[in-house]
Amino acid sequence: MIKLSSPEWFESAPCRGNDRTFFSSKPSQRKSAVKVCAGCTASAKCLDFAVTNKITIGVWGGKTGPELDRLVNS
């Protein structure tokens, strides 16, 4: 198992504490998560964090799991 530390930008990100929305299997909740990302100033850093660490589950930087998988594995 890989243990990652929370990056500094995550401390004030609007997604913090909303794991159920950002890791939901429900399309409506994933769409809500993507909308939160659209207004987040750390979205680009978040996406970079996910791609760099090969995270393909959940919504990161406005991208869903399948989108992240394509980025990570391209």
C-alpha atoms as a PDB file:
ATOM      1  CA  MET A   1       0.000   0.000   0.000  1.00  0.00           C
ATOM      2  CA  ILE A   2       1.208   3.479  -0.898  1.00  0.00           C
ATOM      3  CA  LYS A   3       0.821   6.247   1.673  1.00  0.00           C
ATOM      4  CA  LEU A   4       0.666   9.781   0.319  1.00  0.00           C
ATOM      5  CA  SER A   5       0.884  12.963   2.346  1.00  0.00           C
ATOM      6  CA  SER A   6      -1.662  15.705   1.770  1.00  0.00           C
ATOM      7  CA  PRO A   7      -0.153  18.505  -0.284  1.00  0.00           C
ATOM      8  CA  GLU A   8      -0.214  22.032   1.124  1.00  0.00           C
ATOM      9  CA  TRP A   9      -2.829  23.250  -1.380  1.00  0.00           C
ATOM     10  CA  PHE A  10      -5.275  20.588  -0.165  1.00  0.00           C
ATOM     11  CA  GLU A  11      -5.627  22.202   3.264  1.00  0.00           C
ATOM     12  CA  SER A  12      -7.848  24.985   1.884  1.00  0.00           C
ATOM     13  CA  ALA A  13      -9.356  23.205  -1.138  1.00  0.00           C
ATOM     14  CA  PRO A  14     -13.169  23.249  -1.398  1.00  0.00           C
ATOM     15  CA  CYS A  15     -13.252  19.471  -1.846  1.00  0.00           C
ATOM     16  CA  ARG A  16     -11.735  18.783   1.552  1.00  0.00           C
ATOM     17  CA  GLY A  17     -14.114  16.707   3.659  1.00  0.00           C
ATOM     18  CA  ASN A  18     -16.302  15.763   0.697  1.00  0.00           C
ATOM     19  CA  ASP A  19     -14.945  12.273   0.042  1.00  0.00           C
ATOM     20  CA  ARG A  20     -18.403  10.809  -0.567  1.00  0.00           C
ATOM     21  CA  THR A  21     -18.943  13.173  -3.485  1.00  0.00           C
ATOM     22  CA  PHE A  22     -15.465  12.891  -4.985  1.00  0.00           C
ATOM     23  CA  PHE A  23     -15.268   9.100  -4.690  1.00  0.00           C
ATOM     24  CA  SER A  24     -18.901   8.255  -5.420  1.00  0.00           C
ATOM     25  CA  SER A  25     -20.061   5.671  -7.932  1.00  0.00           C
ATOM     26  CA  LYS A  26     -23.110   7.842  -8.692  1.00  0.00           C
ATOM     27  CA  PRO A  27     -22.773   9.899 -11.896  1.00  0.00           C
ATOM     28  CA  SER A  28     -24.736  12.819 -10.412  1.00  0.00           C
ATOM     29  CA  GLN A  29     -22.295  13.125  -7.517  1.00  0.00           C
ATOM     30  CA  ARG A  30     -19.302  12.911  -9.844  1.00  0.00           C
ATOM     31  CA  LYS A  31     -20.808  15.748 -11.905  1.00  0.00           C
ATOM     32  CA  SER A  32     -21.165  17.793  -8.703  1.00  0.00           C
ATOM     33  CA  ALA A  33     -17.525  17.100  -7.866  1.00  0.00           C
ATOM     34  CA  VAL A  34     -16.386  18.242 -11.314  1.00  0.00           C
ATOM     35  CA  LYS A  35     -18.333  21.500 -10.811  1.00  0.00           C
ATOM     36  CA  VAL A  36     -16.539  22.094  -7.496  1.00  0.00           C
ATOM     37  CA  CYS A  37     -13.216  21.582  -9.282  1.00  0.00           C
ATOM     38  CA  ALA A  38     -14.169  24.144 -11.937  1.00  0.00           C
ATOM     39  CA  GLY A  39     -14.162  26.880  -9.301  1.00  0.00           C
ATOM     40  CA  CYS A  40     -11.079  25.723  -7.442  1.00  0.00           C
ATOM     41  CA  THR A  41      -7.799  27.612  -7.747  1.00  0.00           C
ATOM     42  CA  ALA A  42      -5.840  24.427  -6.989  1.00  0.00           C
ATOM     43  CA  SER A  43      -7.453  22.374  -9.760  1.00  0.00           C
ATOM     44  CA  ALA A  44      -4.328  22.246 -11.955  1.00  0.00           C
ATOM     45  CA  LYS A  45      -2.142  21.249  -8.993  1.00  0.00           C
ATOM     46  CA  CYS A  46      -4.694  18.620  -7.997  1.00  0.00           C
ATOM     47  CA  LEU A  47      -4.749  17.105 -11.486  1.00  0.00           C
ATOM     48  CA  ASP A  48      -0.946  17.087 -11.600  1.00  0.00           C
ATOM     49  CA  PHE A  49      -0.871  15.371  -8.184  1.00  0.00           C
ATOM     50  CA  ALA A  50      -3.229  12.643  -9.391  1.00  0.00           C
ATOM     51  CA  VAL A  51      -1.378  12.018 -12.651  1.00  0.00           C
ATOM     52  CA  THR A  52       2.070  12.094 -11.021  1.00  0.00           C
ATOM     53  CA  ASN A  53       0.949   9.609  -8.360  1.00  0.00           C
ATOM     54  CA  LYS A  54      -1.035   7.490 -10.852  1.00  0.00           C
ATOM     55  CA  ILE A  55      -4.336   7.983  -9.040  1.00  0.00           C
ATOM     56  CA  THR A  56      -7.203   6.868 -11.276  1.00  0.00           C
ATOM     57  CA  ILE A  57     -10.024   6.597  -8.763  1.00  0.00           C
ATOM     58  CA  GLY A  58     -12.260   9.513  -7.873  1.00  0.00           C
ATOM     59  CA  VAL A  59     -12.428  13.047  -9.231  1.00  0.00           C
ATOM     60  CA  TRP A  60      -9.162  14.983  -9.226  1.00  0.00           C
ATOM     61  CA  GLY A  61      -8.613  18.357 -10.865  1.00  0.00           C
ATOM     62  CA  GLY A  62     -11.963  18.133 -12.622  1.00  0.00           C
ATOM     63  CA  LYS A  63     -11.245  14.759 -14.214  1.00  0.00           C
ATOM     64  CA  THR A  64     -13.136  11.546 -13.463  1.00  0.00           C
ATOM     65  CA  GLY A  65     -11.565   8.113 -12.984  1.00  0.00           C
ATOM     66  CA  PRO A  66     -11.746   7.064 -16.662  1.00  0.00           C
ATOM     67  CA  GLU A  67     -10.317  10.431 -17.758  1.00  0.00           C
ATOM     68  CA  LEU A  68      -7.518  10.126 -15.212  1.00  0.00           C
ATOM     69  CA  ASP A  69      -6.794   6.583 -16.378  1.00  0.00           C
ATOM     70  CA  ARG A  70      -6.347   7.815 -19.948  1.00  0.00           C
ATOM     71  CA  LEU A  71      -3.985  10.572 -18.765  1.00  0.00           C
ATOM     72  CA  VAL A  72      -1.951   8.257 -16.551  1.00  0.00           C
ATOM     73  CA  ASN A  73      -1.671   5.509 -19.140  1.00  0.00           C
ATOM     74  CA  SER A  74      -1.103   7.603 -22.266  1.00  0.00           C
END
